[in-house]
Amino acid sequence: MDKFDIKLFKENEHAKVYTYKKGKETISLFDLSDVYRKSIYYEDNAFEDHISYFKEELTVCGIYRKLYNMYIGTIKYYDINGNLEKERNMDAPFPYSIDDVRNWIKKKYDVDIFEKKEGYMMSRSETPIPHYMLKFLTKDGKFIMYSINGVNGEIIFQNINGEEKEVNPVDWAKEAAKRKEQKE
């Protein structure tokens, strides 16, 4: 199991952070008071990989992946001996996956939303219904924004170069009340 490279960190850190390049990756090591963290940022895409480490043992306590500001995939939690304690699938509430969104955008606009480019953004929320929000620029510079249902992939709202349109309107208040009812 991976261990935090405390020697590398101590020799190079400034203000509890050490950042360096390795090929097309930028790697940052952090002292976050209660844990150490290693974050890997990629030059050619919007993914980030993060590994948290126990302070004393320097062993892995958590692994997660992000795309833009979204936790994606499975977050894994470990005990101090490196045994997997718990997993949390962040994609479970979204049957219409981030890959489905990517493929739809690629087919419709020939744009890869996973690329790290100025003006690109993708986020998602489970409330009141699972949905994605994304924005990007087409190759000819048009501003595009969508809200997409995370269950079935229907377009909820779109803004195509300034023209806003509710495509499949959602009664957000009704959906929130329904969701609250289901939890009780």
C-alpha atoms as a PDB file:
ATOM      1  CA  MET A   1       0.000   0.000   0.000  1.00  0.00           C
ATOM      2  CA  ASP A   2       1.154   3.515  -0.845  1.00  0.00           C
ATOM      3  CA  LYS A   3       2.679   5.666   1.928  1.00  0.00           C
ATOM      4  CA  PHE A   4       2.998   9.426   2.083  1.00  0.00           C
ATOM      5  CA  ASP A   5       6.520  10.554   1.127  1.00  0.00           C
ATOM      6  CA  ILE A   6       7.189  12.572   4.265  1.00  0.00           C
ATOM      7  CA  LYS A   7      10.893  13.062   3.444  1.00  0.00           C
ATOM      8  CA  LEU A   8      10.133  14.646   0.054  1.00  0.00           C
ATOM      9  CA  PHE A   9       7.452  16.816   1.636  1.00  0.00           C
ATOM     10  CA  LYS A  10       9.552  18.024   4.612  1.00  0.00           C
ATOM     11  CA  GLU A  11      12.529  18.870   2.376  1.00  0.00           C
ATOM     12  CA  ASN A  12      10.451  20.951  -0.049  1.00  0.00           C
ATOM     13  CA  GLU A  13       7.277  22.245   1.573  1.00  0.00           C
ATOM     14  CA  HIS A  14       6.481  25.913   1.924  1.00  0.00           C
ATOM     15  CA  ALA A  15       3.399  27.031   3.877  1.00  0.00           C
ATOM     16  CA  LYS A  16       2.326  23.374   4.249  1.00  0.00           C
ATOM     17  CA  VAL A  17       2.309  22.729   0.463  1.00  0.00           C
ATOM     18  CA  TYR A  18       4.800  21.289  -2.012  1.00  0.00           C
ATOM     19  CA  THR A  19       3.954  21.243  -5.725  1.00  0.00           C
ATOM     20  CA  TYR A  20       6.011  19.708  -8.515  1.00  0.00           C
ATOM     21  CA  LYS A  21       5.639  18.554 -12.133  1.00  0.00           C
ATOM     22  CA  LYS A  22       5.986  14.960 -13.299  1.00  0.00           C
ATOM     23  CA  GLY A  23       5.433  14.621 -17.049  1.00  0.00           C
ATOM     24  CA  LYS A  24       1.927  15.922 -17.817  1.00  0.00           C
ATOM     25  CA  GLU A  25       0.925  15.829 -14.143  1.00  0.00           C
ATOM     26  CA  THR A  26       1.134  18.484 -11.463  1.00  0.00           C
ATOM     27  CA  ILE A  27       1.407  16.866  -8.041  1.00  0.00           C
ATOM     28  CA  SER A  28       0.720  18.755  -4.829  1.00  0.00           C
ATOM     29  CA  LEU A  29       1.463  17.461  -1.345  1.00  0.00           C
ATOM     30  CA  PHE A  30      -0.458  19.136   1.478  1.00  0.00           C
ATOM     31  CA  ASP A  31      -0.371  19.176   5.269  1.00  0.00           C
ATOM     32  CA  LEU A  32      -4.049  19.623   6.122  1.00  0.00           C
ATOM     33  CA  SER A  33      -3.516  19.556   9.917  1.00  0.00           C
ATOM     34  CA  ASP A  34      -5.324  16.254  10.555  1.00  0.00           C
ATOM     35  CA  VAL A  35      -4.126  14.406   7.399  1.00  0.00           C
ATOM     36  CA  TYR A  36      -1.614  14.684   4.579  1.00  0.00           C
ATOM     37  CA  ARG A  37      -2.932  14.717   1.032  1.00  0.00           C
ATOM     38  CA  LYS A  38      -1.446  14.050  -2.372  1.00  0.00           C
ATOM     39  CA  SER A  39      -3.386  15.604  -5.253  1.00  0.00           C
ATOM     40  CA  ILE A  40      -2.665  14.844  -8.900  1.00  0.00           C
ATOM     41  CA  TYR A  41      -3.845  17.319 -11.537  1.00  0.00           C
ATOM     42  CA  TYR A  42      -3.656  16.451 -15.228  1.00  0.00           C
ATOM     43  CA  GLU A  43      -2.542  18.848 -17.941  1.00  0.00           C
ATOM     44  CA  ASP A  44      -4.846  17.529 -20.666  1.00  0.00           C
ATOM     45  CA  ASN A  45      -8.079  16.744 -18.806  1.00  0.00           C
ATOM     46  CA  ALA A  46     -10.261  18.010 -15.961  1.00  0.00           C
ATOM     47  CA  PHE A  47      -9.825  14.969 -13.698  1.00  0.00           C
ATOM     48  CA  GLU A  48      -8.062  15.103 -10.327  1.00  0.00           C
ATOM     49  CA  ASP A  49      -6.961  12.174  -8.173  1.00  0.00           C
ATOM     50  CA  HIS A  50      -6.595  12.624  -4.411  1.00  0.00           C
ATOM     51  CA  ILE A  51      -5.086  10.376  -1.759  1.00  0.00           C
ATOM     52  CA  SER A  52      -5.328  11.240   1.945  1.00  0.00           C
ATOM     53  CA  TYR A  53      -2.895   9.791   4.491  1.00  0.00           C
ATOM     54  CA  PHE A  54      -2.973   9.329   8.263  1.00  0.00           C
ATOM     55  CA  LYS A  55      -0.545  11.805   9.894  1.00  0.00           C
ATOM     56  CA  GLU A  56       1.332   9.376  12.152  1.00  0.00           C
ATOM     57  CA  GLU A  57       1.271   6.119  10.181  1.00  0.00           C
ATOM     58  CA  LEU A  58       1.566   7.841   6.760  1.00  0.00           C
ATOM     59  CA  THR A  59      -0.722   5.118   5.352  1.00  0.00           C
ATOM     60  CA  VAL A  60      -3.647   5.757   3.018  1.00  0.00           C
ATOM     61  CA  CYS A  61      -6.905   6.725   4.734  1.00  0.00           C
ATOM     62  CA  GLY A  62      -8.901   7.739   1.657  1.00  0.00           C
ATOM     63  CA  ILE A  63      -8.847   7.773  -2.134  1.00  0.00           C
ATOM     64  CA  TYR A  64     -11.179   9.760  -4.350  1.00  0.00           C
ATOM     65  CA  ARG A  65     -11.454  11.226  -7.828  1.00  0.00           C
ATOM     66  CA  LYS A  66     -12.946  14.507  -8.993  1.00  0.00           C
ATOM     67  CA  LEU A  67     -14.039  15.883 -12.339  1.00  0.00           C
ATOM     68  CA  TYR A  68     -14.313  19.653 -12.106  1.00  0.00           C
ATOM     69  CA  ASN A  69     -15.899  20.057  -8.659  1.00  0.00           C
ATOM     70  CA  MET A  70     -17.728  16.695  -8.637  1.00  0.00           C
ATOM     71  CA  TYR A  71     -16.723  13.636  -6.673  1.00  0.00           C
ATOM     72  CA  ILE A  72     -16.970  10.742  -9.126  1.00  0.00           C
ATOM     73  CA  GLY A  73     -16.532   7.005  -9.005  1.00  0.00           C
ATOM     74  CA  THR A  74     -16.028   5.275  -5.688  1.00  0.00           C
ATOM     75  CA  ILE A  75     -14.575   6.986  -2.626  1.00  0.00           C
ATOM     76  CA  LYS A  76     -12.571   4.451  -0.612  1.00  0.00           C
ATOM     77  CA  TYR A  77     -11.868   4.708   3.117  1.00  0.00           C
ATOM     78  CA  TYR A  78      -9.112   2.692   4.842  1.00  0.00           C
ATOM     79  CA  ASP A  79      -8.057   1.955   8.418  1.00  0.00           C
ATOM     80  CA  ILE A  80      -4.496   2.660   9.632  1.00  0.00           C
ATOM     81  CA  ASN A  81      -3.370  -0.817   8.513  1.00  0.00           C
ATOM     82  CA  GLY A  82      -4.517  -0.261   4.941  1.00  0.00           C
ATOM     83  CA  ASN A  83      -7.655  -2.393   5.170  1.00  0.00           C
ATOM     84  CA  LEU A  84     -10.627  -1.144   3.184  1.00  0.00           C
ATOM     85  CA  GLU A  85     -13.312  -0.041   5.657  1.00  0.00           C
ATOM     86  CA  LYS A  86     -15.965   1.552   3.492  1.00  0.00           C
ATOM     87  CA  GLU A  87     -16.801   2.510  -0.071  1.00  0.00           C
ATOM     88  CA  ARG A  88     -19.202   5.131  -1.350  1.00  0.00           C
ATOM     89  CA  ASN A  89     -20.300   5.131  -4.984  1.00  0.00           C
ATOM     90  CA  MET A  90     -20.765   8.772  -5.924  1.00  0.00           C
ATOM     91  CA  ASP A  91     -22.224   7.857  -9.333  1.00  0.00           C
ATOM     92  CA  ALA A  92     -25.076   5.678  -7.979  1.00  0.00           C
ATOM     93  CA  PRO A  93     -27.772   8.413  -8.010  1.00  0.00           C
ATOM     94  CA  PHE A  94     -26.971   9.151 -11.666  1.00  0.00           C
ATOM     95  CA  PRO A  95     -27.982   6.301 -14.021  1.00  0.00           C
ATOM     96  CA  TYR A  96     -27.336   8.718 -16.890  1.00  0.00           C
ATOM     97  CA  SER A  97     -23.593   8.805 -16.325  1.00  0.00           C
ATOM     98  CA  ILE A  98     -20.896  11.421 -16.860  1.00  0.00           C
ATOM     99  CA  ASP A  99     -19.732   9.271 -19.780  1.00  0.00           C
ATOM    100  CA  ASP A 100     -23.247   9.429 -21.258  1.00  0.00           C
ATOM    101  CA  VAL A 101     -23.163  13.234 -20.951  1.00  0.00           C
ATOM    102  CA  ARG A 102     -19.689  13.370 -22.496  1.00  0.00           C
ATOM    103  CA  ASN A 103     -20.678  11.138 -25.430  1.00  0.00           C
ATOM    104  CA  TRP A 104     -23.847  13.150 -26.117  1.00  0.00           C
ATOM    105  CA  ILE A 105     -21.920  16.456 -26.151  1.00  0.00           C
ATOM    106  CA  LYS A 106     -19.171  14.939 -28.307  1.00  0.00           C
ATOM    107  CA  LYS A 107     -21.701  13.619 -30.825  1.00  0.00           C
ATOM    108  CA  LYS A 108     -23.782  16.814 -30.927  1.00  0.00           C
ATOM    109  CA  TYR A 109     -20.985  19.432 -30.825  1.00  0.00           C
ATOM    110  CA  ASP A 110     -17.698  17.564 -31.400  1.00  0.00           C
ATOM    111  CA  VAL A 111     -16.530  18.919 -28.028  1.00  0.00           C
ATOM    112  CA  ASP A 112     -14.956  16.833 -25.263  1.00  0.00           C
ATOM    113  CA  ILE A 113     -16.323  18.189 -21.975  1.00  0.00           C
ATOM    114  CA  PHE A 114     -13.614  16.232 -20.083  1.00  0.00           C
ATOM    115  CA  GLU A 115     -10.868  18.391 -21.607  1.00  0.00           C
ATOM    116  CA  LYS A 116      -9.477  21.139 -19.419  1.00  0.00           C
ATOM    117  CA  LYS A 117     -10.381  24.315 -21.290  1.00  0.00           C
ATOM    118  CA  GLU A 118     -11.291  27.860 -20.369  1.00  0.00           C
ATOM    119  CA  GLY A 119     -15.063  28.185 -20.008  1.00  0.00           C
ATOM    120  CA  TYR A 120     -15.764  24.460 -19.543  1.00  0.00           C
ATOM    121  CA  MET A 121     -17.647  23.373 -16.426  1.00  0.00           C
ATOM    122  CA  MET A 122     -19.653  20.371 -15.306  1.00  0.00           C
ATOM    123  CA  SER A 123     -21.349  19.851 -11.946  1.00  0.00           C
ATOM    124  CA  ARG A 124     -24.142  17.724 -10.597  1.00  0.00           C
ATOM    125  CA  SER A 125     -26.547  17.557  -7.703  1.00  0.00           C
ATOM    126  CA  GLU A 126     -28.923  14.958  -6.299  1.00  0.00           C
ATOM    127  CA  THR A 127     -31.457  17.550  -5.167  1.00  0.00           C
ATOM    128  CA  PRO A 128     -34.245  17.869  -5.812  1.00  0.00           C
ATOM    129  CA  ILE A 129     -33.650  15.337  -8.605  1.00  0.00           C
ATOM    130  CA  PRO A 130     -30.321  14.009  -9.880  1.00  0.00           C
ATOM    131  CA  HIS A 131     -29.197  16.445 -12.569  1.00  0.00           C
ATOM    132  CA  TYR A 132     -26.104  17.835 -14.268  1.00  0.00           C
ATOM    133  CA  MET A 133     -25.248  21.435 -15.073  1.00  0.00           C
ATOM    134  CA  LEU A 134     -22.659  22.037 -17.750  1.00  0.00           C
ATOM    135  CA  LYS A 135     -21.304  24.815 -19.872  1.00  0.00           C
ATOM    136  CA  PHE A 136     -18.773  24.992 -22.657  1.00  0.00           C
ATOM    137  CA  LEU A 137     -17.898  26.786 -25.859  1.00  0.00           C
ATOM    138  CA  THR A 138     -18.342  25.238 -29.282  1.00  0.00           C
ATOM    139  CA  LYS A 139     -15.434  25.227 -31.712  1.00  0.00           C
ATOM    140  CA  ASP A 140     -16.882  28.342 -33.358  1.00  0.00           C
ATOM    141  CA  GLY A 141     -17.159  30.150 -29.988  1.00  0.00           C
ATOM    142  CA  LYS A 142     -20.869  29.758 -29.161  1.00  0.00           C
ATOM    143  CA  PHE A 143     -21.721  29.631 -25.457  1.00  0.00           C
ATOM    144  CA  ILE A 144     -23.677  26.483 -24.539  1.00  0.00           C
ATOM    145  CA  MET A 145     -25.261  25.633 -21.188  1.00  0.00           C
ATOM    146  CA  TYR A 146     -27.410  22.640 -20.283  1.00  0.00           C
ATOM    147  CA  SER A 147     -29.212  21.201 -17.308  1.00  0.00           C
ATOM    148  CA  ILE A 148     -29.600  17.463 -17.924  1.00  0.00           C
ATOM    149  CA  ASN A 149     -31.683  14.946 -15.984  1.00  0.00           C
ATOM    150  CA  GLY A 150     -29.234  12.538 -14.294  1.00  0.00           C
ATOM    151  CA  VAL A 151     -31.706   9.657 -14.378  1.00  0.00           C
ATOM    152  CA  ASN A 152     -32.868   9.588 -18.000  1.00  0.00           C
ATOM    153  CA  GLY A 153     -30.675  12.100 -19.860  1.00  0.00           C
ATOM    154  CA  GLU A 154     -33.528  14.436 -20.820  1.00  0.00           C
ATOM    155  CA  ILE A 155     -32.609  18.066 -21.361  1.00  0.00           C
ATOM    156  CA  ILE A 156     -34.255  20.140 -18.615  1.00  0.00           C
ATOM    157  CA  PHE A 157     -32.963  23.545 -19.663  1.00  0.00           C
ATOM    158  CA  GLN A 158     -30.679  24.873 -22.355  1.00  0.00           C
ATOM    159  CA  ASN A 159     -29.009  28.134 -23.251  1.00  0.00           C
ATOM    160  CA  ILE A 160     -27.646  28.035 -26.780  1.00  0.00           C
ATOM    161  CA  ASN A 161     -25.632  31.171 -27.482  1.00  0.00           C
ATOM    162  CA  GLY A 162     -27.958  33.330 -25.364  1.00  0.00           C
ATOM    163  CA  GLU A 163     -31.285  31.695 -26.298  1.00  0.00           C
ATOM    164  CA  GLU A 164     -32.732  30.181 -23.137  1.00  0.00           C
ATOM    165  CA  LYS A 165     -35.338  27.449 -23.300  1.00  0.00           C
ATOM    166  CA  GLU A 166     -36.954  25.081 -20.821  1.00  0.00           C
ATOM    167  CA  VAL A 167     -37.109  21.831 -22.759  1.00  0.00           C
ATOM    168  CA  ASN A 168     -38.488  19.408 -20.167  1.00  0.00           C
ATOM    169  CA  PRO A 169     -39.422  21.688 -17.264  1.00  0.00           C
ATOM    170  CA  VAL A 170     -39.093  20.302 -13.769  1.00  0.00           C
ATOM    171  CA  ASP A 171     -41.274  21.480 -10.911  1.00  0.00           C
ATOM    172  CA  TRP A 172     -38.313  21.745  -8.532  1.00  0.00           C
ATOM    173  CA  ALA A 173     -40.447  22.468  -5.438  1.00  0.00           C
ATOM    174  CA  LYS A 174     -42.703  19.476  -6.142  1.00  0.00           C
ATOM    175  CA  GLU A 175     -39.688  17.210  -6.723  1.00  0.00           C
ATOM    176  CA  ALA A 176     -38.049  18.417  -3.493  1.00  0.00           C
ATOM    177  CA  ALA A 177     -41.245  17.699  -1.515  1.00  0.00           C
ATOM    178  CA  LYS A 178     -41.551  14.256  -3.115  1.00  0.00           C
ATOM    179  CA  ARG A 179     -37.919  13.460  -2.288  1.00  0.00           C
ATOM    180  CA  LYS A 180     -38.383  14.630   1.323  1.00  0.00           C
ATOM    181  CA  GLU A 181     -41.469  12.413   1.630  1.00  0.00           C
ATOM    182  CA  GLN A 182     -39.527   9.382   0.372  1.00  0.00           C
ATOM    183  CA  LYS A 183     -36.817   9.904   3.005  1.00  0.00           C
ATOM    184  CA  GLU A 184     -39.309  10.025   5.894  1.00  0.00           C
END
